[in-house]
Amino acid sequence: MMASGSKLSIDELNDYGRVQFVEKLGAVLEHSPWVAESAWELGPFVSKEDLHEKMMRIVRLSPAKRILKLFRAHPDLAARLVAGEYSSREQRDAGLDRLEPAEVEAFMSMNRTYTDKFGFPFIMAVRGKTKDEMLSAMGMRIEQDPETEWQEALAQIDRIAGFRLDDLIDESCVEERADRHA
């Protein structure tokens, strides 16, 4: 993950070879560097949004078994288990590391119920959400049918990837380049 103030430009990413590109973007989709590796082949990218769209197209066009593996790579919310660097920070920023014991149990119970029903963990872009909003969303989404929830999990992964790419890529360089070519 990039430290604040050390964002990359899309031009820098376009100049990377496959290995360096995957090193920089491989964690954008939870424990699934295969997405970045496949995306590298679709470059060069004209913008962060272009890269994001291509990464998500790769995911959506993948076989269901591969998408399920991506879903299952996501950690449970409020789990005390080791998660990827992005997920750990996002859950910490959302306050899930400061829950009372009863709140932890509520999350764990909902996580179990959700996973038992759908076969993968509850996936939610937690940035900007409160613990109450997360629990409420879990309760509502547990009631969904499997196909609707599959599509919702993909939509949440899309949002998560967008946030993470925002953290990594400095779009001001793209705007400057676009101005030069206007």
Protein backbone atom coordinates (compact mmCIF):
# COMPACT_ATOMS: atom_id res chain seq x y z
CA MET A 1 0.00 0.00 0.00
CA MET A 2 1.23 3.46 -0.82
CA ALA A 3 1.99 5.90 1.93
CA SER A 4 0.10 9.17 1.90
CA GLY A 5 1.76 11.66 -0.41
CA SER A 6 3.44 9.00 -2.52
CA LYS A 7 0.70 8.31 -5.02
CA LEU A 8 1.52 7.09 -8.49
CA SER A 9 0.49 8.67 -11.73
CA ILE A 10 -1.29 6.61 -14.36
CA ASP A 11 1.74 7.28 -16.61
CA GLU A 12 4.04 5.66 -14.05
CA LEU A 13 1.78 2.62 -13.87
CA ASN A 14 1.68 2.43 -17.66
CA ASP A 15 5.50 2.37 -17.72
CA TYR A 16 5.73 -0.56 -15.30
CA GLY A 17 6.52 -4.05 -16.44
CA ARG A 18 4.17 -6.85 -15.42
CA VAL A 19 6.01 -7.72 -12.18
CA GLN A 20 6.20 -4.15 -10.89
CA PHE A 21 2.59 -3.45 -11.94
CA VAL A 22 1.37 -6.50 -10.01
CA GLU A 23 3.52 -5.54 -7.01
CA LYS A 24 1.81 -2.13 -6.90
CA LEU A 25 -1.76 -3.21 -7.68
CA GLY A 26 -1.95 -6.89 -6.74
CA ALA A 27 -3.58 -6.20 -3.37
CA VAL A 28 -6.30 -3.88 -4.71
CA LEU A 29 -8.61 -6.88 -5.00
CA GLU A 30 -8.25 -8.92 -1.83
CA HIS A 31 -5.52 -11.57 -2.13
CA SER A 32 -6.17 -11.74 -5.89
CA PRO A 33 -3.11 -10.49 -7.78
CA TRP A 34 -4.36 -12.37 -10.85
CA VAL A 35 -6.67 -9.41 -11.54
CA ALA A 36 -3.77 -6.93 -11.71
CA GLU A 37 -1.75 -9.37 -13.80
CA SER A 38 -4.60 -9.70 -16.29
CA ALA A 39 -5.21 -5.94 -16.27
CA TRP A 40 -1.57 -5.22 -17.14
CA GLU A 41 -2.19 -6.88 -20.50
CA LEU A 42 -5.00 -4.37 -21.21
CA GLY A 43 -2.82 -1.27 -20.77
CA PRO A 44 -1.91 1.41 -21.34
CA PHE A 45 -4.63 3.07 -19.30
CA VAL A 46 -5.92 6.57 -19.98
CA SER A 47 -7.09 7.17 -16.42
CA LYS A 48 -7.63 5.64 -13.02
CA GLU A 49 -11.26 5.06 -14.03
CA ASP A 50 -10.14 3.20 -17.17
CA LEU A 51 -7.90 0.94 -15.08
CA HIS A 52 -10.68 0.39 -12.52
CA GLU A 53 -13.23 -0.47 -15.20
CA LYS A 54 -10.86 -2.94 -16.86
CA MET A 55 -10.00 -4.62 -13.57
CA MET A 56 -13.67 -5.06 -12.74
CA ARG A 57 -14.46 -6.33 -16.23
CA ILE A 58 -11.80 -9.01 -15.70
CA VAL A 59 -13.50 -10.02 -12.46
CA ARG A 60 -17.04 -10.00 -13.89
CA LEU A 61 -16.02 -12.07 -16.93
CA SER A 62 -14.19 -14.65 -14.82
CA PRO A 63 -15.65 -18.09 -14.19
CA ALA A 64 -17.96 -18.27 -11.18
CA LYS A 65 -15.48 -20.48 -9.29
CA ARG A 66 -12.78 -17.83 -9.64
CA ILE A 67 -15.13 -15.06 -8.50
CA LEU A 68 -16.16 -17.21 -5.53
CA LYS A 69 -12.48 -17.60 -4.62
CA LEU A 70 -12.14 -13.79 -4.74
CA PHE A 71 -15.22 -13.44 -2.50
CA ARG A 72 -13.81 -15.97 -0.04
CA ALA A 73 -10.49 -14.07 0.12
CA HIS A 74 -12.28 -11.27 1.98
CA PRO A 75 -12.15 -11.31 5.79
CA ASP A 76 -15.20 -11.32 8.00
CA LEU A 77 -16.09 -7.91 9.39
CA ALA A 78 -14.76 -7.35 12.92
CA ALA A 79 -12.82 -10.64 12.81
CA ARG A 80 -9.74 -10.79 14.98
CA LEU A 81 -7.98 -12.81 12.29
CA VAL A 82 -5.17 -11.51 10.12
CA ALA A 83 -6.54 -9.68 7.09
CA GLY A 84 -4.82 -8.04 4.16
CA GLU A 85 -3.19 -4.67 4.77
CA TYR A 86 -5.99 -2.77 3.02
CA SER A 87 -8.79 -4.63 4.82
CA SER A 88 -7.12 -4.28 8.20
CA ARG A 89 -6.76 -0.52 7.76
CA GLU A 90 -10.29 -0.09 6.39
CA GLN A 91 -11.84 -2.03 9.28
CA ARG A 92 -9.67 -0.19 11.80
CA ASP A 93 -10.65 3.18 10.28
CA ALA A 94 -14.31 2.13 10.54
CA GLY A 95 -13.82 1.42 14.27
CA LEU A 96 -14.26 -2.34 14.05
CA ASP A 97 -11.15 -2.84 16.19
CA ARG A 98 -12.80 -0.96 19.08
CA LEU A 99 -16.01 -2.92 19.52
CA GLU A 100 -17.46 -3.95 22.85
CA PRO A 101 -17.61 -7.74 23.43
CA ALA A 102 -21.37 -7.83 22.72
CA GLU A 103 -20.82 -5.99 19.44
CA VAL A 104 -18.07 -8.42 18.43
CA GLU A 105 -20.46 -11.30 19.12
CA ALA A 106 -23.20 -9.62 17.05
CA PHE A 107 -20.82 -9.27 14.09
CA MET A 108 -19.54 -12.83 14.49
CA SER A 109 -23.08 -14.22 14.66
CA MET A 110 -24.15 -12.28 11.55
CA ASN A 111 -20.94 -13.30 9.75
CA ARG A 112 -21.69 -16.98 10.47
CA THR A 113 -25.31 -16.69 9.37
CA TYR A 114 -24.35 -14.87 6.17
CA THR A 115 -21.53 -17.28 5.26
CA ASP A 116 -23.70 -20.32 6.01
CA LYS A 117 -26.37 -19.00 3.64
CA PHE A 118 -24.21 -17.71 0.76
CA GLY A 119 -20.96 -19.67 1.02
CA PHE A 120 -18.73 -16.59 1.21
CA PRO A 121 -18.13 -13.80 3.72
CA PHE A 122 -20.17 -10.63 3.90
CA ILE A 123 -18.42 -8.08 1.68
CA MET A 124 -18.96 -4.38 2.22
CA ALA A 125 -17.05 -1.23 1.38
CA VAL A 126 -16.81 -0.02 4.97
CA ARG A 127 -15.19 3.35 4.29
CA GLY A 128 -17.42 6.04 5.77
CA LYS A 129 -19.78 3.53 7.42
CA THR A 130 -20.61 3.20 11.10
CA LYS A 131 -20.80 -0.11 12.92
CA ASP A 132 -24.58 0.31 13.13
CA GLU A 133 -24.83 0.86 9.37
CA MET A 134 -22.73 -2.26 8.78
CA LEU A 135 -24.84 -4.43 11.08
CA SER A 136 -28.03 -3.08 9.52
CA ALA A 137 -26.73 -3.84 6.02
CA MET A 138 -25.75 -7.35 7.10
CA GLY A 139 -29.24 -7.94 8.46
CA MET A 140 -30.90 -6.75 5.26
CA ARG A 141 -28.54 -8.54 2.91
CA ILE A 142 -28.89 -11.88 4.72
CA GLU A 143 -32.52 -11.78 3.55
CA GLN A 144 -31.51 -11.48 -0.15
CA ASP A 145 -31.69 -14.34 -2.61
CA PRO A 146 -28.31 -15.81 -3.65
CA GLU A 147 -28.18 -14.22 -7.14
CA THR A 148 -29.03 -10.75 -5.82
CA GLU A 149 -26.43 -11.09 -3.09
CA TRP A 150 -23.81 -12.34 -5.59
CA GLN A 151 -24.36 -9.17 -7.62
CA GLU A 152 -24.26 -7.03 -4.46
CA ALA A 153 -20.95 -8.61 -3.41
CA LEU A 154 -19.53 -7.75 -6.86
CA ALA A 155 -20.81 -4.17 -6.53
CA GLN A 156 -19.17 -3.86 -3.10
CA ILE A 157 -15.87 -5.20 -4.47
CA ASP A 158 -16.13 -2.60 -7.24
CA ARG A 159 -16.53 0.16 -4.61
CA ILE A 160 -13.65 -1.22 -2.51
CA ALA A 161 -11.37 -1.35 -5.56
CA GLY A 162 -12.34 2.23 -6.44
CA PHE A 163 -11.42 3.46 -2.96
CA ARG A 164 -8.11 1.62 -3.04
CA LEU A 165 -7.22 2.92 -6.50
CA ASP A 166 -8.08 6.44 -5.28
CA ASP A 167 -5.53 5.92 -2.51
CA LEU A 168 -2.86 4.73 -4.96
CA ILE A 169 -3.23 6.89 -8.05
CA ASP A 170 -2.86 10.65 -8.36
CA GLU A 171 -5.34 11.81 -10.97
CA SER A 172 -3.95 15.36 -11.08
CA CYS A 173 -1.21 14.08 -13.38
CA VAL A 174 -3.89 12.80 -15.76
CA GLU A 175 -5.67 16.15 -15.76
CA GLU A 176 -2.40 17.95 -16.54
CA ARG A 177 -1.66 15.52 -19.38
CA ALA A 178 -5.18 15.94 -20.75
CA ASP A 179 -4.74 19.72 -20.69
CA ARG A 180 -1.49 19.44 -22.65
CA HIS A 181 -3.21 17.37 -25.34
CA ALA A 182 -6.29 19.59 -25.61
